[in-house]
Amino acid sequence: MKTNHINKFLRDNMTWVLLIVISIIFSFLSPNFFSFRNIINILNQNSYIIISALGIAFIMMAGEIDIAVGYTISLTSVLCAMMAVDLHLPAPVILAAGILIAILLECMTMLIAHYFRLQLMMVTIGTMTIFQGISFVLTQSKTISGLPESYKIIGQGYLGSIPIPVIVMVILFILASFVLNKTYMGRYVFAIGGNAEAARLAGISVFRMKMMIAGIAGGMVGLAATFLCTRLGAIQANTGAGLEFTIITAVLLGGVSVRGGEGRMSGVVAGVLILAILSNGMQLAGMDVYYQFIAKGVIMLATIGVDVFQLNRKDKVRMQDK
């Protein structure tokens, strides 16, 4: 009986177990790994990725995949930087505008997918190219620099010894977990991801829920774009390009299925931290950056492989029960 409990615990918390094991390994490879400064640095550098991943997790739990999230971050960052440098708008206005822009982009993409009865992933293959093109047209392939200090403090400021992005990240994680686990909306997300048609027959407005999910994801992506923009202090058209693979890998690694219908926000955070610690630990250990790409690629393939294996096993069990 104890063995069964242990096995269930490991299955349910495998991401956190892996995170602890990796952390212990790197603590031996580098004596500075577990320092307070390095831990805060890891959280600060990856706060915008965690915030984005929390939003994208809602979409993936509902059975959809957005592979344009990196380019949504790019376009939102470019527009926010232009509002700050060219229009000299106040920081709160730019922050609100950045969140609204990302919400509109995510909702527009979800609306197109619904109207043409397409998978969201297929639509985002097109929108990611459009967003990238608009970013390059707006910047004319030049770097936007000279962000005002009043705006940069959003991503570079501290409350005590804790960076503002880290504090906001923790608050959003708590809110996202509450919505997912303690509200009807969270139940509807899982229901739609598990079987959208069954959810519709049960009286759930699938389209309305997906638009709400897109809005939540867009808000988090917009906030993440603001943190990235203000932390860097200078923006290029391809600033967020490629982040989609890190975000999706982290969400899958955190236990969210490619089919949707399951997952936990705590697992998503652990997934991001595993990738972050791999990069940070390998840097501290003096390993080349290209090995980090290899490690992340292997992890992504392994994560998808394990997820597909588990899905196939569940399908076989259902067939046997029938």
C-alpha atoms as a PDB file:
ATOM      1  CA  MET A   1       0.000   0.000   0.000  1.00  0.00           C
ATOM      2  CA  LYS A   2       2.816   2.398   0.895  1.00  0.00           C
ATOM      3  CA  THR A   3       4.494   1.628  -2.429  1.00  0.00           C
ATOM      4  CA  ASN A   4       1.312   2.582  -4.281  1.00  0.00           C
ATOM      5  CA  HIS A   5       1.111   5.874  -2.389  1.00  0.00           C
ATOM      6  CA  ILE A   6       4.748   6.609  -3.166  1.00  0.00           C
ATOM      7  CA  ASN A   7       4.270   5.811  -6.854  1.00  0.00           C
ATOM      8  CA  LYS A   8       1.181   8.046  -7.014  1.00  0.00           C
ATOM      9  CA  PHE A   9       3.039  10.863  -5.267  1.00  0.00           C
ATOM     10  CA  LEU A  10       5.930  10.601  -7.728  1.00  0.00           C
ATOM     11  CA  ARG A  11       3.574  10.601 -10.724  1.00  0.00           C
ATOM     12  CA  ASP A  12       1.676  13.634  -9.434  1.00  0.00           C
ATOM     13  CA  ASN A  13       4.800  15.583  -8.461  1.00  0.00           C
ATOM     14  CA  MET A  14       7.381  14.310 -10.943  1.00  0.00           C
ATOM     15  CA  THR A  15       8.171  17.842 -12.187  1.00  0.00           C
ATOM     16  CA  TRP A  16       8.987  19.066  -8.686  1.00  0.00           C
ATOM     17  CA  VAL A  17      11.013  15.928  -7.940  1.00  0.00           C
ATOM     18  CA  LEU A  18      13.009  16.519 -11.135  1.00  0.00           C
ATOM     19  CA  LEU A  19      13.466  20.189 -10.198  1.00  0.00           C
ATOM     20  CA  ILE A  20      14.869  19.245  -6.775  1.00  0.00           C
ATOM     21  CA  VAL A  21      17.211  16.625  -8.255  1.00  0.00           C
ATOM     22  CA  ILE A  22      18.568  19.062 -10.856  1.00  0.00           C
ATOM     23  CA  SER A  23      19.016  21.755  -8.196  1.00  0.00           C
ATOM     24  CA  ILE A  24      20.981  19.381  -5.959  1.00  0.00           C
ATOM     25  CA  ILE A  25      23.223  18.348  -8.867  1.00  0.00           C
ATOM     26  CA  PHE A  26      24.060  21.945  -9.775  1.00  0.00           C
ATOM     27  CA  SER A  27      24.625  22.865  -6.127  1.00  0.00           C
ATOM     28  CA  PHE A  28      27.552  20.416  -6.196  1.00  0.00           C
ATOM     29  CA  LEU A  29      28.814  21.685  -9.539  1.00  0.00           C
ATOM     30  CA  SER A  30      28.739  25.331  -8.426  1.00  0.00           C
ATOM     31  CA  PRO A  31      29.010  26.564  -4.810  1.00  0.00           C
ATOM     32  CA  ASN A  32      27.198  29.817  -5.729  1.00  0.00           C
ATOM     33  CA  PHE A  33      24.111  28.106  -7.083  1.00  0.00           C
ATOM     34  CA  PHE A  34      22.045  28.135  -3.868  1.00  0.00           C
ATOM     35  CA  SER A  35      22.993  31.682  -2.875  1.00  0.00           C
ATOM     36  CA  PHE A  36      20.086  34.085  -2.233  1.00  0.00           C
ATOM     37  CA  ARG A  37      21.361  36.386  -4.949  1.00  0.00           C
ATOM     38  CA  ASN A  38      21.411  33.636  -7.571  1.00  0.00           C
ATOM     39  CA  ILE A  39      17.945  32.310  -6.644  1.00  0.00           C
ATOM     40  CA  ILE A  40      16.442  35.813  -6.875  1.00  0.00           C
ATOM     41  CA  ASN A  41      18.302  36.321 -10.144  1.00  0.00           C
ATOM     42  CA  ILE A  42      16.784  33.125 -11.604  1.00  0.00           C
ATOM     43  CA  LEU A  43      13.274  34.132 -10.528  1.00  0.00           C
ATOM     44  CA  ASN A  44      13.708  37.704 -11.802  1.00  0.00           C
ATOM     45  CA  GLN A  45      15.109  36.672 -15.189  1.00  0.00           C
ATOM     46  CA  ASN A  46      12.319  34.141 -15.721  1.00  0.00           C
ATOM     47  CA  SER A  47       9.379  35.968 -14.139  1.00  0.00           C
ATOM     48  CA  TYR A  48       8.032  37.093 -17.513  1.00  0.00           C
ATOM     49  CA  ILE A  49       8.325  33.530 -18.861  1.00  0.00           C
ATOM     50  CA  ILE A  50       6.449  32.135 -15.846  1.00  0.00           C
ATOM     51  CA  ILE A  51       3.717  34.767 -16.229  1.00  0.00           C
ATOM     52  CA  SER A  52       3.376  33.957 -19.954  1.00  0.00           C
ATOM     53  CA  ALA A  53       3.370  30.218 -19.241  1.00  0.00           C
ATOM     54  CA  LEU A  54       0.555  30.616 -16.687  1.00  0.00           C
ATOM     55  CA  GLY A  55      -1.558  32.299 -19.349  1.00  0.00           C
ATOM     56  CA  ILE A  56      -0.701  29.825 -22.113  1.00  0.00           C
ATOM     57  CA  ALA A  57      -1.407  26.960 -19.681  1.00  0.00           C
ATOM     58  CA  PHE A  58      -5.072  28.027 -19.591  1.00  0.00           C
ATOM     59  CA  ILE A  59      -5.200  27.792 -23.391  1.00  0.00           C
ATOM     60  CA  MET A  60      -3.491  24.399 -23.476  1.00  0.00           C
ATOM     61  CA  MET A  61      -5.641  22.990 -20.681  1.00  0.00           C
ATOM     62  CA  ALA A  62      -8.620  23.938 -22.839  1.00  0.00           C
ATOM     63  CA  GLY A  63      -7.233  21.777 -25.638  1.00  0.00           C
ATOM     64  CA  GLU A  64      -5.605  24.463 -27.810  1.00  0.00           C
ATOM     65  CA  ILE A  65      -1.986  25.473 -28.488  1.00  0.00           C
ATOM     66  CA  ASP A  66      -0.743  29.006 -29.212  1.00  0.00           C
ATOM     67  CA  ILE A  67       2.653  28.919 -30.916  1.00  0.00           C
ATOM     68  CA  ALA A  68       2.606  32.661 -31.678  1.00  0.00           C
ATOM     69  CA  VAL A  69       3.045  33.740 -28.064  1.00  0.00           C
ATOM     70  CA  GLY A  70       6.695  34.728 -28.577  1.00  0.00           C
ATOM     71  CA  TYR A  71       5.751  37.010 -31.461  1.00  0.00           C
ATOM     72  CA  THR A  72       2.827  38.432 -29.495  1.00  0.00           C
ATOM     73  CA  ILE A  73       5.397  39.407 -26.869  1.00  0.00           C
ATOM     74  CA  SER A  74       7.618  40.915 -29.600  1.00  0.00           C
ATOM     75  CA  LEU A  75       4.866  43.048 -31.142  1.00  0.00           C
ATOM     76  CA  THR A  76       3.506  44.161 -27.771  1.00  0.00           C
ATOM     77  CA  SER A  77       7.012  45.095 -26.583  1.00  0.00           C
ATOM     78  CA  VAL A  78       7.687  47.092 -29.752  1.00  0.00           C
ATOM     79  CA  LEU A  79       4.408  49.006 -29.477  1.00  0.00           C
ATOM     80  CA  CYS A  80       4.980  49.726 -25.776  1.00  0.00           C
ATOM     81  CA  ALA A  81       8.536  50.927 -26.450  1.00  0.00           C
ATOM     82  CA  MET A  82       7.288  53.225 -29.210  1.00  0.00           C
ATOM     83  CA  MET A  83       4.617  54.650 -26.898  1.00  0.00           C
ATOM     84  CA  ALA A  84       7.296  55.363 -24.312  1.00  0.00           C
ATOM     85  CA  VAL A  85       9.983  56.814 -26.615  1.00  0.00           C
ATOM     86  CA  ASP A  86       8.005  58.451 -29.425  1.00  0.00           C
ATOM     87  CA  LEU A  87       4.723  59.417 -27.750  1.00  0.00           C
ATOM     88  CA  HIS A  88       6.125  59.992 -24.213  1.00  0.00           C
ATOM     89  CA  LEU A  89       3.034  58.497 -22.602  1.00  0.00           C
ATOM     90  CA  PRO A  90       2.938  57.966 -18.800  1.00  0.00           C
ATOM     91  CA  ALA A  91       4.127  54.576 -17.558  1.00  0.00           C
ATOM     92  CA  PRO A  92       0.688  53.462 -16.187  1.00  0.00           C
ATOM     93  CA  VAL A  93      -0.920  54.237 -19.559  1.00  0.00           C
ATOM     94  CA  ILE A  94       1.724  52.212 -21.425  1.00  0.00           C
ATOM     95  CA  LEU A  95       1.338  49.316 -18.983  1.00  0.00           C
ATOM     96  CA  ALA A  96      -2.439  49.261 -19.462  1.00  0.00           C
ATOM     97  CA  ALA A  97      -2.074  49.639 -23.239  1.00  0.00           C
ATOM     98  CA  GLY A  98       0.404  46.748 -23.430  1.00  0.00           C
ATOM     99  CA  ILE A  99      -1.953  44.436 -21.560  1.00  0.00           C
ATOM    100  CA  LEU A 100      -4.897  45.526 -23.743  1.00  0.00           C
ATOM    101  CA  ILE A 101      -2.913  45.021 -26.976  1.00  0.00           C
ATOM    102  CA  ALA A 102      -1.970  41.453 -26.059  1.00  0.00           C
ATOM    103  CA  ILE A 103      -5.560  40.691 -25.022  1.00  0.00           C
ATOM    104  CA  LEU A 104      -6.822  41.938 -28.400  1.00  0.00           C
ATOM    105  CA  LEU A 105      -4.204  39.900 -30.289  1.00  0.00           C
ATOM    106  CA  GLU A 106      -5.048  36.692 -28.404  1.00  0.00           C
ATOM    107  CA  CYS A 107      -8.807  37.199 -28.707  1.00  0.00           C
ATOM    108  CA  MET A 108      -8.514  38.035 -32.406  1.00  0.00           C
ATOM    109  CA  THR A 109      -6.581  34.823 -33.005  1.00  0.00           C
ATOM    110  CA  MET A 110      -9.103  32.749 -31.045  1.00  0.00           C
ATOM    111  CA  LEU A 111     -11.972  34.425 -32.935  1.00  0.00           C
ATOM    112  CA  ILE A 112     -10.402  33.571 -36.306  1.00  0.00           C
ATOM    113  CA  ALA A 113      -9.935  29.952 -35.196  1.00  0.00           C
ATOM    114  CA  HIS A 114     -13.600  29.735 -34.152  1.00  0.00           C
ATOM    115  CA  TYR A 115     -14.999  31.492 -37.231  1.00  0.00           C
ATOM    116  CA  PHE A 116     -13.129  29.301 -39.715  1.00  0.00           C
ATOM    117  CA  ARG A 117     -13.440  26.168 -37.530  1.00  0.00           C
ATOM    118  CA  LEU A 118      -9.682  25.684 -37.313  1.00  0.00           C
ATOM    119  CA  GLN A 119      -7.369  24.534 -34.568  1.00  0.00           C
ATOM    120  CA  LEU A 120      -5.797  27.521 -32.813  1.00  0.00           C
ATOM    121  CA  MET A 121      -2.329  26.157 -33.544  1.00  0.00           C
ATOM    122  CA  MET A 122      -2.968  26.317 -37.295  1.00  0.00           C
ATOM    123  CA  VAL A 123      -4.092  29.942 -37.037  1.00  0.00           C
ATOM    124  CA  THR A 124      -1.095  30.956 -34.944  1.00  0.00           C
ATOM    125  CA  ILE A 125       1.265  29.565 -37.576  1.00  0.00           C
ATOM    126  CA  GLY A 126      -0.001  32.414 -39.745  1.00  0.00           C
ATOM    127  CA  THR A 127      -0.358  35.088 -37.080  1.00  0.00           C
ATOM    128  CA  MET A 128       3.171  34.567 -35.766  1.00  0.00           C
ATOM    129  CA  THR A 129       4.539  35.545 -39.182  1.00  0.00           C
ATOM    130  CA  ILE A 130       2.178  38.527 -39.395  1.00  0.00           C
ATOM    131  CA  PHE A 131       3.161  39.761 -35.925  1.00  0.00           C
ATOM    132  CA  GLN A 132       6.839  39.375 -36.758  1.00  0.00           C
ATOM    133  CA  GLY A 133       6.427  41.300 -40.009  1.00  0.00           C
ATOM    134  CA  ILE A 134       4.559  44.147 -38.302  1.00  0.00           C
ATOM    135  CA  SER A 135       7.311  44.358 -35.653  1.00  0.00           C
ATOM    136  CA  PHE A 136      10.016  44.705 -38.295  1.00  0.00           C
ATOM    137  CA  VAL A 137       7.982  47.271 -40.259  1.00  0.00           C
ATOM    138  CA  LEU A 138       7.412  49.405 -37.159  1.00  0.00           C
ATOM    139  CA  THR A 139      11.044  49.305 -36.021  1.00  0.00           C
ATOM    140  CA  GLN A 140      12.545  49.328 -39.541  1.00  0.00           C
ATOM    141  CA  SER A 141      14.881  46.626 -38.157  1.00  0.00           C
ATOM    142  CA  LYS A 142      16.353  49.140 -35.681  1.00  0.00           C
ATOM    143  CA  THR A 143      16.673  48.964 -31.911  1.00  0.00           C
ATOM    144  CA  ILE A 144      14.310  51.131 -29.876  1.00  0.00           C
ATOM    145  CA  SER A 145      16.257  52.511 -26.926  1.00  0.00           C
ATOM    146  CA  GLY A 146      16.038  55.415 -24.518  1.00  0.00           C
ATOM    147  CA  LEU A 147      13.101  54.190 -22.467  1.00  0.00           C
ATOM    148  CA  PRO A 148      12.301  56.656 -19.646  1.00  0.00           C
ATOM    149  CA  GLU A 149      13.273  55.682 -16.107  1.00  0.00           C
ATOM    150  CA  SER A 150       9.663  56.021 -14.950  1.00  0.00           C
ATOM    151  CA  TYR A 151       8.768  53.184 -17.327  1.00  0.00           C
ATOM    152  CA  LYS A 152      11.859  51.019 -16.806  1.00  0.00           C
ATOM    153  CA  ILE A 153      11.248  50.863 -13.055  1.00  0.00           C
ATOM    154  CA  ILE A 154       8.339  48.472 -13.760  1.00  0.00           C
ATOM    155  CA  GLY A 155      10.806  45.752 -14.760  1.00  0.00           C
ATOM    156  CA  GLN A 156      13.884  46.938 -12.887  1.00  0.00           C
ATOM    157  CA  GLY A 157      12.436  48.150  -9.586  1.00  0.00           C
ATOM    158  CA  TYR A 158      12.547  46.433  -6.189  1.00  0.00           C
ATOM    159  CA  LEU A 159      10.341  46.261  -3.130  1.00  0.00           C
ATOM    160  CA  GLY A 160      12.895  45.738  -0.403  1.00  0.00           C
ATOM    161  CA  SER A 161      15.239  43.066  -1.739  1.00  0.00           C
ATOM    162  CA  ILE A 162      12.635  41.439  -4.019  1.00  0.00           C
ATOM    163  CA  PRO A 163      12.232  42.542  -7.671  1.00  0.00           C
ATOM    164  CA  ILE A 164       8.783  43.860  -8.622  1.00  0.00           C
ATOM    165  CA  PRO A 165       8.350  41.271 -11.439  1.00  0.00           C
ATOM    166  CA  VAL A 166       8.900  38.439  -8.945  1.00  0.00           C
ATOM    167  CA  ILE A 167       6.263  39.821  -6.578  1.00  0.00           C
ATOM    168  CA  VAL A 168       3.740  40.217  -9.408  1.00  0.00           C
ATOM    169  CA  MET A 169       4.583  36.709 -10.645  1.00  0.00           C
ATOM    170  CA  VAL A 170       3.788  35.185  -7.242  1.00  0.00           C
ATOM    171  CA  ILE A 171       0.490  37.090  -7.013  1.00  0.00           C
ATOM    172  CA  LEU A 172      -0.551  35.968 -10.508  1.00  0.00           C
ATOM    173  CA  PHE A 173       0.393  32.370  -9.729  1.00  0.00           C
ATOM    174  CA  ILE A 174      -1.853  32.428  -6.643  1.00  0.00           C
ATOM    175  CA  LEU A 175      -4.725  33.993  -8.608  1.00  0.00           C
ATOM    176  CA  ALA A 176      -4.335  31.574 -11.551  1.00  0.00           C
ATOM    177  CA  SER A 177      -4.268  28.577  -9.206  1.00  0.00           C
ATOM    178  CA  PHE A 178      -7.373  29.838  -7.399  1.00  0.00           C
ATOM    179  CA  VAL A 179      -9.285  30.354 -10.661  1.00  0.00           C
ATOM    180  CA  LEU A 180      -8.286  26.937 -11.964  1.00  0.00           C
ATOM    181  CA  ASN A 181      -8.952  24.949  -8.790  1.00  0.00           C
ATOM    182  CA  LYS A 182     -11.658  26.844  -6.907  1.00  0.00           C
ATOM    183  CA  THR A 183     -13.998  28.343  -9.509  1.00  0.00           C
ATOM    184  CA  TYR A 184     -16.498  27.122 -12.066  1.00  0.00           C
ATOM    185  CA  MET A 185     -14.341  28.619 -14.778  1.00  0.00           C
ATOM    186  CA  GLY A 186     -11.511  26.271 -13.867  1.00  0.00           C
ATOM    187  CA  ARG A 187     -13.868  23.304 -14.083  1.00  0.00           C
ATOM    188  CA  TYR A 188     -15.094  24.498 -17.463  1.00  0.00           C
ATOM    189  CA  VAL A 189     -11.503  24.807 -18.724  1.00  0.00           C
ATOM    190  CA  PHE A 190     -10.850  21.161 -17.873  1.00  0.00           C
ATOM    191  CA  ALA A 191     -14.226  20.097 -19.269  1.00  0.00           C
ATOM    192  CA  ILE A 192     -13.595  21.830 -22.611  1.00  0.00           C
ATOM    193  CA  GLY A 193     -10.087  20.428 -22.812  1.00  0.00           C
ATOM    194  CA  GLY A 194     -11.300  16.939 -21.994  1.00  0.00           C
ATOM    195  CA  ASN A 195     -14.168  16.905 -24.501  1.00  0.00           C
ATOM    196  CA  ALA A 196     -15.421  20.154 -26.025  1.00  0.00           C
ATOM    197  CA  GLU A 197     -18.521  18.560 -27.562  1.00  0.00           C
ATOM    198  CA  ALA A 198     -19.532  16.948 -24.278  1.00  0.00           C
ATOM    199  CA  ALA A 199     -18.994  20.285 -22.538  1.00  0.00           C
ATOM    200  CA  ARG A 200     -21.230  22.002 -25.095  1.00  0.00           C
ATOM    201  CA  LEU A 201     -23.975  19.399 -24.628  1.00  0.00           C
ATOM    202  CA  ALA A 202     -23.699  19.936 -20.869  1.00  0.00           C
ATOM    203  CA  GLY A 203     -24.644  23.579 -21.372  1.00  0.00           C
ATOM    204  CA  ILE A 204     -21.209  25.204 -21.365  1.00  0.00           C
ATOM    205  CA  SER A 205     -20.733  27.984 -23.933  1.00  0.00           C
ATOM    206  CA  VAL A 206     -17.468  26.709 -25.391  1.00  0.00           C
ATOM    207  CA  PHE A 207     -16.886  29.762 -27.601  1.00  0.00           C
ATOM    208  CA  ARG A 208     -17.494  32.232 -24.771  1.00  0.00           C
ATOM    209  CA  MET A 209     -15.217  30.294 -22.458  1.00  0.00           C
ATOM    210  CA  LYS A 210     -12.435  30.116 -25.038  1.00  0.00           C
ATOM    211  CA  MET A 211     -12.670  33.874 -25.594  1.00  0.00           C
ATOM    212  CA  MET A 212     -12.430  34.418 -21.823  1.00  0.00           C
ATOM    213  CA  ILE A 213      -9.436  32.081 -21.685  1.00  0.00           C
ATOM    214  CA  ALA A 214      -7.818  33.983 -24.568  1.00  0.00           C
ATOM    215  CA  GLY A 215      -8.419  37.234 -22.691  1.00  0.00           C
ATOM    216  CA  ILE A 216      -6.790  35.907 -19.525  1.00  0.00           C
ATOM    217  CA  ALA A 217      -3.829  34.532 -21.471  1.00  0.00           C
ATOM    218  CA  GLY A 218      -3.495  37.779 -23.410  1.00  0.00           C
ATOM    219  CA  GLY A 219      -3.482  39.839 -20.228  1.00  0.00           C
ATOM    220  CA  MET A 220      -0.684  37.746 -18.757  1.00  0.00           C
ATOM    221  CA  VAL A 221       1.303  37.789 -22.014  1.00  0.00           C
ATOM    222  CA  GLY A 222       0.909  41.567 -22.226  1.00  0.00           C
ATOM    223  CA  LEU A 223       2.150  42.016 -18.674  1.00  0.00           C
ATOM    224  CA  ALA A 224       5.055  39.668 -19.409  1.00  0.00           C
ATOM    225  CA  ALA A 225       5.926  41.724 -22.499  1.00  0.00           C
ATOM    226  CA  THR A 226       5.979  44.873 -20.359  1.00  0.00           C
ATOM    227  CA  PHE A 227       8.324  43.287 -17.835  1.00  0.00           C
ATOM    228  CA  LEU A 228      10.641  42.076 -20.599  1.00  0.00           C
ATOM    229  CA  CYS A 229      10.615  45.452 -22.344  1.00  0.00           C
ATOM    230  CA  THR A 230      11.343  47.444 -19.193  1.00  0.00           C
ATOM    231  CA  ARG A 231      13.954  45.000 -17.890  1.00  0.00           C
ATOM    232  CA  LEU A 232      15.950  45.098 -21.118  1.00  0.00           C
ATOM    233  CA  GLY A 233      15.587  48.841 -21.608  1.00  0.00           C
ATOM    234  CA  ALA A 234      15.928  48.442 -25.381  1.00  0.00           C
ATOM    235  CA  ILE A 235      13.715  46.514 -27.796  1.00  0.00           C
ATOM    236  CA  GLN A 236      14.269  44.919 -31.184  1.00  0.00           C
ATOM    237  CA  ALA A 237      11.678  43.448 -33.546  1.00  0.00           C
ATOM    238  CA  ASN A 238      12.701  39.881 -32.650  1.00  0.00           C
ATOM    239  CA  THR A 239      13.006  40.371 -28.888  1.00  0.00           C
ATOM    240  CA  GLY A 240      10.417  37.709 -28.005  1.00  0.00           C
ATOM    241  CA  ALA A 241      10.928  35.421 -31.004  1.00  0.00           C
ATOM    242  CA  GLY A 242      11.647  31.839 -29.944  1.00  0.00           C
ATOM    243  CA  LEU A 243      10.138  32.196 -26.464  1.00  0.00           C
ATOM    244  CA  GLU A 244       7.145  30.155 -27.570  1.00  0.00           C
ATOM    245  CA  PHE A 245       9.198  26.964 -27.557  1.00  0.00           C
ATOM    246  CA  THR A 246      10.486  27.596 -24.036  1.00  0.00           C
ATOM    247  CA  ILE A 247       6.979  28.444 -22.800  1.00  0.00           C
ATOM    248  CA  ILE A 248       5.256  25.466 -24.438  1.00  0.00           C
ATOM    249  CA  THR A 249       8.025  23.094 -23.323  1.00  0.00           C
ATOM    250  CA  ALA A 250       7.679  24.350 -19.744  1.00  0.00           C
ATOM    251  CA  VAL A 251       3.889  23.946 -19.798  1.00  0.00           C
ATOM    252  CA  LEU A 252       4.141  20.388 -21.134  1.00  0.00           C
ATOM    253  CA  LEU A 253       6.943  19.598 -18.707  1.00  0.00           C
ATOM    254  CA  GLY A 254       4.682  20.876 -15.931  1.00  0.00           C
ATOM    255  CA  GLY A 255       2.133  18.146 -16.619  1.00  0.00           C
ATOM    256  CA  VAL A 256      -0.295  19.850 -19.006  1.00  0.00           C
ATOM    257  CA  SER A 257      -1.317  17.382 -21.712  1.00  0.00           C
ATOM    258  CA  VAL A 258      -1.081  18.210 -25.412  1.00  0.00           C
ATOM    259  CA  ARG A 259      -4.758  17.204 -25.630  1.00  0.00           C
ATOM    260  CA  GLY A 260      -5.794  19.416 -22.742  1.00  0.00           C
ATOM    261  CA  GLY A 261      -8.108  18.570 -19.879  1.00  0.00           C
ATOM    262  CA  GLU A 262      -5.459  18.271 -17.163  1.00  0.00           C
ATOM    263  CA  GLY A 263      -2.608  20.115 -15.487  1.00  0.00           C
ATOM    264  CA  ARG A 264      -1.674  22.260 -12.501  1.00  0.00           C
ATOM    265  CA  MET A 265      -0.265  25.773 -12.280  1.00  0.00           C
ATOM    266  CA  SER A 266       2.329  24.671  -9.733  1.00  0.00           C
ATOM    267  CA  GLY A 267       3.617  22.156 -12.273  1.00  0.00           C
ATOM    268  CA  VAL A 268       3.866  24.905 -14.909  1.00  0.00           C
ATOM    269  CA  VAL A 269       6.017  27.026 -12.578  1.00  0.00           C
ATOM    270  CA  ALA A 270       8.217  24.010 -11.859  1.00  0.00           C
ATOM    271  CA  GLY A 271       8.530  23.372 -15.602  1.00  0.00           C
ATOM    272  CA  VAL A 272       9.808  26.894 -16.228  1.00  0.00           C
ATOM    273  CA  LEU A 273      12.202  26.660 -13.290  1.00  0.00           C
ATOM    274  CA  ILE A 274      13.661  23.370 -14.558  1.00  0.00           C
ATOM    275  CA  LEU A 275      14.573  24.997 -17.868  1.00  0.00           C
ATOM    276  CA  ALA A 276      15.807  28.126 -16.094  1.00  0.00           C
ATOM    277  CA  ILE A 277      17.974  26.180 -13.653  1.00  0.00           C
ATOM    278  CA  LEU A 278      19.420  24.118 -16.483  1.00  0.00           C
ATOM    279  CA  SER A 279      20.564  27.305 -18.218  1.00  0.00           C
ATOM    280  CA  ASN A 280      21.755  28.991 -15.040  1.00  0.00           C
ATOM    281  CA  GLY A 281      23.498  25.909 -13.646  1.00  0.00           C
ATOM    282  CA  MET A 282      25.245  25.123 -16.929  1.00  0.00           C
ATOM    283  CA  GLN A 283      26.463  28.717 -17.148  1.00  0.00           C
ATOM    284  CA  LEU A 284      27.800  28.639 -13.592  1.00  0.00           C
ATOM    285  CA  ALA A 285      29.464  25.313 -14.375  1.00  0.00           C
ATOM    286  CA  GLY A 286      31.162  26.901 -17.399  1.00  0.00           C
ATOM    287  CA  MET A 287      29.308  24.910 -20.050  1.00  0.00           C
ATOM    288  CA  ASP A 288      28.846  26.333 -23.551  1.00  0.00           C
ATOM    289  CA  VAL A 289      25.494  27.954 -24.378  1.00  0.00           C
ATOM    290  CA  TYR A 290      24.948  25.538 -27.276  1.00  0.00           C
ATOM    291  CA  TYR A 291      24.764  22.634 -24.844  1.00  0.00           C
ATOM    292  CA  GLN A 292      21.834  24.424 -23.228  1.00  0.00           C
ATOM    293  CA  PHE A 293      19.962  24.332 -26.543  1.00  0.00           C
ATOM    294  CA  ILE A 294      20.658  20.614 -26.844  1.00  0.00           C
ATOM    295  CA  ALA A 295      19.481  19.964 -23.274  1.00  0.00           C
ATOM    296  CA  LYS A 296      16.245  21.938 -23.792  1.00  0.00           C
ATOM    297  CA  GLY A 297      15.568  20.130 -27.068  1.00  0.00           C
ATOM    298  CA  VAL A 298      16.058  16.734 -25.467  1.00  0.00           C
ATOM    299  CA  ILE A 299      13.768  17.694 -22.589  1.00  0.00           C
ATOM    300  CA  MET A 300      11.057  18.882 -24.994  1.00  0.00           C
ATOM    301  CA  LEU A 301      11.187  15.648 -27.014  1.00  0.00           C
ATOM    302  CA  ALA A 302      11.184  13.536 -23.870  1.00  0.00           C
ATOM    303  CA  THR A 303       8.269  15.485 -22.389  1.00  0.00           C
ATOM    304  CA  ILE A 304       6.146  15.128 -25.533  1.00  0.00           C
ATOM    305  CA  GLY A 305       7.098  11.433 -25.768  1.00  0.00           C
ATOM    306  CA  VAL A 306       6.043  10.743 -22.184  1.00  0.00           C
ATOM    307  CA  ASP A 307       2.788  12.651 -22.664  1.00  0.00           C
ATOM    308  CA  VAL A 308       1.919  10.746 -25.858  1.00  0.00           C
ATOM    309  CA  PHE A 309       2.805   7.445 -24.156  1.00  0.00           C
ATOM    310  CA  GLN A 310       0.483   8.223 -21.249  1.00  0.00           C
ATOM    311  CA  LEU A 311      -2.317   9.278 -23.599  1.00  0.00           C
ATOM    312  CA  ASN A 312      -1.973   6.071 -25.609  1.00  0.00           C
ATOM    313  CA  ARG A 313      -2.036   4.022 -22.418  1.00  0.00           C
ATOM    314  CA  LYS A 314      -5.209   5.792 -21.262  1.00  0.00           C
ATOM    315  CA  ASP A 315      -6.812   5.162 -24.655  1.00  0.00           C
ATOM    316  CA  LYS A 316      -5.983   1.449 -24.407  1.00  0.00           C
ATOM    317  CA  VAL A 317      -7.507   1.277 -20.922  1.00  0.00           C
ATOM    318  CA  ARG A 318     -10.707   2.920 -22.194  1.00  0.00           C
ATOM    319  CA  MET A 319     -10.901   0.478 -25.104  1.00  0.00           C
ATOM    320  CA  GLN A 320     -10.471  -2.473 -22.735  1.00  0.00           C
ATOM    321  CA  ASP A 321     -13.194  -1.122 -20.436  1.00  0.00           C
ATOM    322  CA  LYS A 322     -15.579  -0.942 -23.416  1.00  0.00           C
END
